[in-house]
Amino acid sequence: MAGNRTFTMIKPDAVKAGHIGAILAKINEGGFRIVAMKLTKLSAEKAGEFYAVHKERPFYGELVEFMSSGPIVAAILEKDNAVEDFRTLIGATNPAEAAPGTIRALYATSIGENAVHGADSDENAAIEGNFHFAGTEMF
């Protein structure tokens, strides 16, 4: 089903602020079907592994620390054109630049604490989804 699935995480800032339900409602309203979901907490090691692509970037350490600072909600979403449509739904990384009504415009507080992660390609969506879920956890 390439092109029909994407991966997201509701990040620690949004979980702590109590926005899980509201974000999931926006996802449902956007026409996405949740095919896998769990509330979990990444260890610093697992967060570092997940974001290894950014290891040489100056924000890597801060990102790993933030993503392992509290619980997250990991989910695999299904819809035609899933990756692109979800990126539109979440809005720009910087919430000040995110379109009105997008998840980041509504629930993010900064570039670093931007409420949600969204896969940036079909390939990464599959890799990221498989990082968090076994095949028996996807429906």
N, C-alpha and C. Protein backbone atom coordinates (compact mmCIF):
# COMPACT_ATOMS: atom_id res chain seq x y z
N MET A 1 0.82 -1.20 0.00
CA MET A 1 0.00 0.00 0.00
C MET A 1 0.86 1.26 0.00
N ALA A 2 1.92 1.28 -0.74
CA ALA A 2 2.77 2.47 -0.81
C ALA A 2 1.94 3.68 -1.19
N GLY A 3 2.17 4.76 -0.50
CA GLY A 3 1.42 5.98 -0.77
C GLY A 3 0.15 6.12 0.04
N ASN A 4 -0.26 5.04 0.70
CA ASN A 4 -1.50 5.09 1.46
C ASN A 4 -1.30 5.12 2.97
N ARG A 5 -0.05 5.03 3.42
CA ARG A 5 0.21 5.05 4.86
C ARG A 5 1.27 6.07 5.20
N THR A 6 1.13 6.64 6.39
CA THR A 6 2.15 7.54 6.91
C THR A 6 2.33 7.25 8.39
N PHE A 7 3.36 7.84 8.95
CA PHE A 7 3.66 7.65 10.37
C PHE A 7 3.65 9.00 11.06
N THR A 8 3.14 9.01 12.29
CA THR A 8 3.15 10.22 13.10
C THR A 8 3.46 9.90 14.55
N MET A 9 3.95 10.89 15.25
CA MET A 9 4.07 10.84 16.71
C MET A 9 3.49 12.12 17.25
N ILE A 10 2.66 12.00 18.26
CA ILE A 10 2.27 13.17 19.05
C ILE A 10 3.39 13.30 20.07
N LYS A 11 4.08 14.42 20.03
CA LYS A 11 5.31 14.61 20.79
C LYS A 11 5.05 14.91 22.28
N PRO A 12 6.10 14.79 23.11
CA PRO A 12 5.93 14.97 24.56
C PRO A 12 5.27 16.28 24.98
N ASP A 13 5.53 17.37 24.25
CA ASP A 13 4.92 18.65 24.63
C ASP A 13 3.41 18.61 24.49
N ALA A 14 2.91 18.04 23.41
CA ALA A 14 1.47 17.97 23.19
C ALA A 14 0.80 16.95 24.11
N VAL A 15 1.50 15.85 24.40
CA VAL A 15 0.96 14.87 25.35
C VAL A 15 0.83 15.52 26.73
N LYS A 16 1.89 16.18 27.17
CA LYS A 16 1.91 16.83 28.48
C LYS A 16 0.82 17.90 28.59
N ALA A 17 0.57 18.60 27.49
CA ALA A 17 -0.43 19.68 27.49
C ALA A 17 -1.87 19.14 27.39
N GLY A 18 -2.03 17.84 27.22
CA GLY A 18 -3.36 17.25 27.16
C GLY A 18 -4.04 17.34 25.81
N HIS A 19 -3.25 17.40 24.73
CA HIS A 19 -3.82 17.58 23.39
C HIS A 19 -4.01 16.29 22.59
N ILE A 20 -3.80 15.13 23.20
CA ILE A 20 -3.91 13.87 22.44
C ILE A 20 -5.28 13.77 21.77
N GLY A 21 -6.34 13.92 22.52
CA GLY A 21 -7.69 13.77 21.97
C GLY A 21 -7.99 14.75 20.85
N ALA A 22 -7.62 16.01 21.05
CA ALA A 22 -7.89 17.03 20.04
C ALA A 22 -7.10 16.74 18.75
N ILE A 23 -5.84 16.31 18.90
CA ILE A 23 -5.03 16.00 17.72
C ILE A 23 -5.58 14.78 17.00
N LEU A 24 -5.97 13.76 17.75
CA LEU A 24 -6.57 12.58 17.11
C LEU A 24 -7.87 12.94 16.40
N ALA A 25 -8.64 13.85 16.98
CA ALA A 25 -9.88 14.30 16.32
C ALA A 25 -9.56 14.98 14.99
N LYS A 26 -8.52 15.83 14.96
CA LYS A 26 -8.12 16.50 13.71
C LYS A 26 -7.67 15.46 12.67
N ILE A 27 -6.97 14.43 13.13
CA ILE A 27 -6.53 13.36 12.23
C ILE A 27 -7.74 12.65 11.64
N ASN A 28 -8.71 12.32 12.48
CA ASN A 28 -9.93 11.67 11.98
C ASN A 28 -10.70 12.58 11.04
N GLU A 29 -10.83 13.85 11.39
CA GLU A 29 -11.54 14.81 10.54
C GLU A 29 -10.84 14.98 9.19
N GLY A 30 -9.52 14.74 9.17
CA GLY A 30 -8.75 14.83 7.93
C GLY A 30 -8.92 13.61 7.03
N GLY A 31 -9.72 12.66 7.47
CA GLY A 31 -10.00 11.49 6.65
C GLY A 31 -9.03 10.34 6.82
N PHE A 32 -8.19 10.40 7.84
CA PHE A 32 -7.22 9.33 8.08
C PHE A 32 -7.84 8.24 8.95
N ARG A 33 -7.43 7.01 8.67
CA ARG A 33 -7.82 5.86 9.49
C ARG A 33 -6.58 5.44 10.27
N ILE A 34 -6.73 5.26 11.56
CA ILE A 34 -5.62 4.83 12.40
C ILE A 34 -5.51 3.31 12.28
N VAL A 35 -4.36 2.82 11.81
CA VAL A 35 -4.17 1.37 11.65
C VAL A 35 -3.25 0.78 12.71
N ALA A 36 -2.57 1.64 13.48
CA ALA A 36 -1.74 1.22 14.61
C ALA A 36 -1.56 2.45 15.50
N MET A 37 -1.58 2.23 16.83
CA MET A 37 -1.39 3.36 17.74
C MET A 37 -0.98 2.85 19.11
N LYS A 38 -0.07 3.59 19.75
CA LYS A 38 0.29 3.26 21.13
C LYS A 38 0.85 4.48 21.85
N LEU A 39 0.58 4.51 23.15
CA LEU A 39 1.19 5.48 24.06
C LEU A 39 2.44 4.81 24.60
N THR A 40 3.58 5.46 24.43
CA THR A 40 4.85 4.86 24.84
C THR A 40 5.82 5.96 25.23
N LYS A 41 6.98 5.58 25.72
CA LYS A 41 8.02 6.56 26.05
C LYS A 41 9.31 6.06 25.42
N LEU A 42 9.94 6.92 24.64
CA LEU A 42 11.21 6.57 24.02
C LEU A 42 12.35 6.76 25.02
N SER A 43 13.24 5.80 25.09
CA SER A 43 14.47 5.99 25.85
C SER A 43 15.35 6.95 25.03
N ALA A 44 16.36 7.53 25.65
CA ALA A 44 17.28 8.40 24.91
C ALA A 44 17.94 7.60 23.79
N GLU A 45 18.26 6.33 24.05
CA GLU A 45 18.87 5.49 23.03
C GLU A 45 17.94 5.29 21.84
N LYS A 46 16.67 4.98 22.09
CA LYS A 46 15.70 4.76 21.01
C LYS A 46 15.41 6.07 20.26
N ALA A 47 15.30 7.17 20.97
CA ALA A 47 15.08 8.46 20.31
C ALA A 47 16.28 8.79 19.42
N GLY A 48 17.48 8.52 19.90
CA GLY A 48 18.69 8.76 19.11
C GLY A 48 18.72 7.89 17.86
N GLU A 49 18.28 6.66 18.00
CA GLU A 49 18.21 5.73 16.87
C GLU A 49 17.18 6.23 15.84
N PHE A 50 16.02 6.64 16.34
CA PHE A 50 14.95 7.11 15.45
C PHE A 50 15.39 8.34 14.65
N TYR A 51 16.08 9.26 15.31
CA TYR A 51 16.51 10.51 14.67
C TYR A 51 17.96 10.47 14.20
N ALA A 52 18.52 9.27 13.99
CA ALA A 52 19.92 9.12 13.58
C ALA A 52 20.26 9.92 12.32
N VAL A 53 19.29 10.10 11.44
CA VAL A 53 19.50 10.87 10.21
C VAL A 53 19.96 12.30 10.51
N HIS A 54 19.64 12.80 11.70
CA HIS A 54 20.00 14.17 12.10
C HIS A 54 21.24 14.22 13.00
N LYS A 55 21.93 13.10 13.15
CA LYS A 55 23.02 13.00 14.12
C LYS A 55 24.08 14.10 13.98
N GLU A 56 24.36 14.52 12.78
CA GLU A 56 25.39 15.54 12.55
C GLU A 56 24.85 16.97 12.65
N ARG A 57 23.56 17.11 12.84
CA ARG A 57 22.95 18.45 12.92
C ARG A 57 23.12 19.02 14.33
N PRO A 58 23.22 20.33 14.47
CA PRO A 58 23.47 20.93 15.78
C PRO A 58 22.34 20.71 16.79
N PHE A 59 21.13 20.46 16.32
CA PHE A 59 19.99 20.30 17.23
C PHE A 59 19.76 18.85 17.68
N TYR A 60 20.58 17.93 17.20
CA TYR A 60 20.36 16.50 17.45
C TYR A 60 20.25 16.16 18.95
N GLY A 61 21.21 16.59 19.74
CA GLY A 61 21.20 16.28 21.18
C GLY A 61 19.96 16.81 21.87
N GLU A 62 19.60 18.03 21.55
CA GLU A 62 18.40 18.64 22.13
C GLU A 62 17.14 17.89 21.69
N LEU A 63 17.09 17.47 20.43
CA LEU A 63 15.95 16.72 19.91
C LEU A 63 15.80 15.38 20.62
N VAL A 64 16.90 14.67 20.78
CA VAL A 64 16.87 13.38 21.47
C VAL A 64 16.42 13.56 22.92
N GLU A 65 16.95 14.56 23.58
CA GLU A 65 16.57 14.85 24.97
C GLU A 65 15.07 15.16 25.07
N PHE A 66 14.59 16.00 24.17
CA PHE A 66 13.17 16.37 24.17
C PHE A 66 12.28 15.16 23.90
N MET A 67 12.62 14.38 22.86
CA MET A 67 11.76 13.26 22.48
C MET A 67 11.77 12.13 23.50
N SER A 68 12.75 12.10 24.39
CA SER A 68 12.78 11.08 25.44
C SER A 68 12.35 11.66 26.79
N SER A 69 11.84 12.88 26.79
CA SER A 69 11.49 13.56 28.04
C SER A 69 10.13 13.19 28.61
N GLY A 70 9.30 12.52 27.83
CA GLY A 70 7.97 12.14 28.31
C GLY A 70 7.29 11.24 27.30
N PRO A 71 6.08 10.81 27.61
CA PRO A 71 5.37 9.91 26.70
C PRO A 71 5.05 10.55 25.35
N ILE A 72 4.94 9.68 24.36
CA ILE A 72 4.52 10.06 23.02
C ILE A 72 3.38 9.14 22.60
N VAL A 73 2.65 9.53 21.58
CA VAL A 73 1.69 8.64 20.93
C VAL A 73 2.21 8.39 19.53
N ALA A 74 2.55 7.14 19.24
CA ALA A 74 3.01 6.75 17.91
C ALA A 74 1.83 6.17 17.16
N ALA A 75 1.71 6.49 15.88
CA ALA A 75 0.58 5.98 15.11
C ALA A 75 0.92 5.84 13.63
N ILE A 76 0.31 4.85 13.01
CA ILE A 76 0.36 4.69 11.56
C ILE A 76 -1.03 5.04 11.05
N LEU A 77 -1.06 5.91 10.06
CA LEU A 77 -2.32 6.42 9.51
C LEU A 77 -2.46 5.98 8.06
N GLU A 78 -3.69 5.78 7.65
CA GLU A 78 -3.96 5.33 6.29
C GLU A 78 -4.95 6.26 5.60
N LYS A 79 -4.64 6.57 4.36
CA LYS A 79 -5.49 7.42 3.51
C LYS A 79 -4.79 7.51 2.16
N ASP A 80 -5.51 7.68 1.08
CA ASP A 80 -4.87 7.94 -0.20
C ASP A 80 -4.00 9.18 -0.06
N ASN A 81 -2.80 9.15 -0.65
CA ASN A 81 -1.88 10.29 -0.60
C ASN A 81 -1.53 10.68 0.84
N ALA A 82 -1.35 9.68 1.69
CA ALA A 82 -1.23 9.87 3.14
C ALA A 82 -0.12 10.83 3.56
N VAL A 83 1.09 10.63 3.04
CA VAL A 83 2.21 11.46 3.50
C VAL A 83 1.96 12.93 3.19
N GLU A 84 1.66 13.23 1.95
CA GLU A 84 1.46 14.63 1.55
C GLU A 84 0.26 15.25 2.26
N ASP A 85 -0.84 14.52 2.33
CA ASP A 85 -2.03 15.07 3.01
C ASP A 85 -1.79 15.30 4.49
N PHE A 86 -1.02 14.40 5.13
CA PHE A 86 -0.74 14.59 6.55
C PHE A 86 0.19 15.77 6.78
N ARG A 87 1.18 15.93 5.90
CA ARG A 87 2.08 17.09 6.03
C ARG A 87 1.28 18.39 5.92
N THR A 88 0.29 18.40 5.05
CA THR A 88 -0.57 19.58 4.93
C THR A 88 -1.38 19.78 6.20
N LEU A 89 -1.92 18.71 6.76
CA LEU A 89 -2.73 18.79 7.98
C LEU A 89 -1.93 19.28 9.19
N ILE A 90 -0.66 18.88 9.29
CA ILE A 90 0.11 19.29 10.47
C ILE A 90 0.66 20.70 10.33
N GLY A 91 0.93 21.17 9.13
CA GLY A 91 1.43 22.52 8.94
C GLY A 91 2.94 22.62 9.04
N ALA A 92 3.44 23.82 8.85
CA ALA A 92 4.89 24.09 8.85
C ALA A 92 5.51 23.76 10.20
N THR A 93 6.79 23.38 10.17
CA THR A 93 7.54 23.05 11.39
C THR A 93 7.48 24.19 12.39
N ASN A 94 7.61 25.41 11.90
CA ASN A 94 7.51 26.59 12.76
C ASN A 94 6.03 26.94 12.89
N PRO A 95 5.46 26.82 14.09
CA PRO A 95 4.02 27.08 14.24
C PRO A 95 3.61 28.50 13.85
N ALA A 96 4.55 29.44 13.92
CA ALA A 96 4.25 30.82 13.52
C ALA A 96 4.02 30.92 12.01
N GLU A 97 4.54 29.93 11.26
CA GLU A 97 4.37 29.91 9.81
C GLU A 97 3.33 28.89 9.36
N ALA A 98 2.78 28.14 10.30
CA ALA A 98 1.81 27.10 9.96
C ALA A 98 0.46 27.73 9.59
N ALA A 99 -0.18 27.16 8.59
CA ALA A 99 -1.48 27.67 8.14
C ALA A 99 -2.50 27.57 9.27
N PRO A 100 -3.42 28.54 9.35
CA PRO A 100 -4.46 28.50 10.39
C PRO A 100 -5.23 27.18 10.32
N GLY A 101 -5.53 26.63 11.50
CA GLY A 101 -6.31 25.40 11.58
C GLY A 101 -5.49 24.14 11.49
N THR A 102 -4.19 24.25 11.14
CA THR A 102 -3.35 23.06 11.11
C THR A 102 -3.00 22.66 12.55
N ILE A 103 -2.58 21.42 12.71
CA ILE A 103 -2.27 20.91 14.04
C ILE A 103 -1.19 21.74 14.72
N ARG A 104 -0.14 22.09 14.00
CA ARG A 104 0.93 22.87 14.61
C ARG A 104 0.50 24.30 14.91
N ALA A 105 -0.33 24.89 14.07
CA ALA A 105 -0.83 26.24 14.37
C ALA A 105 -1.66 26.22 15.64
N LEU A 106 -2.39 25.15 15.86
CA LEU A 106 -3.27 25.05 17.02
C LEU A 106 -2.56 24.62 18.30
N TYR A 107 -1.59 23.69 18.19
CA TYR A 107 -1.07 23.04 19.40
C TYR A 107 0.44 23.14 19.62
N ALA A 108 1.21 23.60 18.66
CA ALA A 108 2.65 23.72 18.85
C ALA A 108 2.99 25.03 19.53
N THR A 109 4.10 25.04 20.26
CA THR A 109 4.53 26.26 20.95
C THR A 109 5.81 26.86 20.38
N SER A 110 6.58 26.05 19.62
CA SER A 110 7.84 26.54 19.06
C SER A 110 8.29 25.57 17.96
N ILE A 111 9.38 25.93 17.29
CA ILE A 111 9.94 25.03 16.27
C ILE A 111 10.37 23.72 16.92
N GLY A 112 10.96 23.80 18.10
CA GLY A 112 11.44 22.61 18.79
C GLY A 112 10.32 21.79 19.41
N GLU A 113 9.32 22.46 19.94
CA GLU A 113 8.18 21.77 20.56
C GLU A 113 6.97 22.00 19.65
N ASN A 114 6.97 21.23 18.56
CA ASN A 114 5.98 21.49 17.52
C ASN A 114 4.85 20.45 17.45
N ALA A 115 4.57 19.83 18.57
CA ALA A 115 3.39 18.99 18.80
C ALA A 115 3.38 17.63 18.10
N VAL A 116 3.74 17.57 16.83
CA VAL A 116 3.65 16.30 16.10
C VAL A 116 4.81 16.12 15.13
N HIS A 117 5.11 14.86 14.88
CA HIS A 117 6.05 14.46 13.84
C HIS A 117 5.22 13.88 12.71
N GLY A 118 5.64 14.13 11.48
CA GLY A 118 5.02 13.49 10.33
C GLY A 118 6.09 13.02 9.37
N ALA A 119 5.98 11.79 8.91
CA ALA A 119 6.95 11.25 7.95
C ALA A 119 7.01 12.16 6.73
N ASP A 120 8.20 12.27 6.12
CA ASP A 120 8.38 13.19 4.99
C ASP A 120 8.39 12.49 3.63
N SER A 121 8.25 11.15 3.61
CA SER A 121 8.20 10.42 2.35
C SER A 121 7.55 9.07 2.60
N ASP A 122 7.09 8.43 1.53
CA ASP A 122 6.52 7.09 1.65
C ASP A 122 7.55 6.12 2.24
N GLU A 123 8.79 6.23 1.76
CA GLU A 123 9.85 5.34 2.25
C GLU A 123 10.08 5.52 3.74
N ASN A 124 10.20 6.78 4.19
CA ASN A 124 10.42 7.04 5.61
C ASN A 124 9.20 6.66 6.46
N ALA A 125 8.01 6.82 5.91
CA ALA A 125 6.80 6.42 6.63
C ALA A 125 6.86 4.93 6.95
N ALA A 126 7.27 4.12 5.99
CA ALA A 126 7.38 2.67 6.22
C ALA A 126 8.47 2.36 7.23
N ILE A 127 9.62 2.99 7.09
CA ILE A 127 10.74 2.76 8.01
C ILE A 127 10.33 3.16 9.43
N GLU A 128 9.75 4.34 9.58
CA GLU A 128 9.37 4.85 10.90
C GLU A 128 8.26 4.01 11.52
N GLY A 129 7.29 3.61 10.72
CA GLY A 129 6.21 2.77 11.23
C GLY A 129 6.75 1.43 11.72
N ASN A 130 7.66 0.84 10.95
CA ASN A 130 8.25 -0.44 11.34
C ASN A 130 9.18 -0.32 12.54
N PHE A 131 9.71 0.87 12.78
CA PHE A 131 10.54 1.12 13.95
C PHE A 131 9.71 0.98 15.23
N HIS A 132 8.46 1.42 15.17
CA HIS A 132 7.60 1.46 16.36
C HIS A 132 6.63 0.29 16.48
N PHE A 133 6.31 -0.35 15.36
CA PHE A 133 5.26 -1.37 15.40
C PHE A 133 5.68 -2.66 14.70
N ALA A 134 5.29 -3.78 15.30
CA ALA A 134 5.43 -5.08 14.65
C ALA A 134 4.25 -5.25 13.70
N GLY A 135 4.41 -6.10 12.70
CA GLY A 135 3.33 -6.33 11.74
C GLY A 135 2.04 -6.76 12.41
N THR A 136 2.13 -7.48 13.53
CA THR A 136 0.92 -7.92 14.24
C THR A 136 0.21 -6.79 14.97
N GLU A 137 0.83 -5.61 15.03
CA GLU A 137 0.22 -4.46 15.70
C GLU A 137 -0.44 -3.50 14.72
N MET A 138 -0.42 -3.82 13.42
CA MET A 138 -1.02 -2.97 12.40
C MET A 138 -2.28 -3.64 11.89
N PHE A 139 -3.34 -2.84 11.81
CA PHE A 139 -4.63 -3.42 11.42
C PHE A 139 -5.22 -2.72 10.22
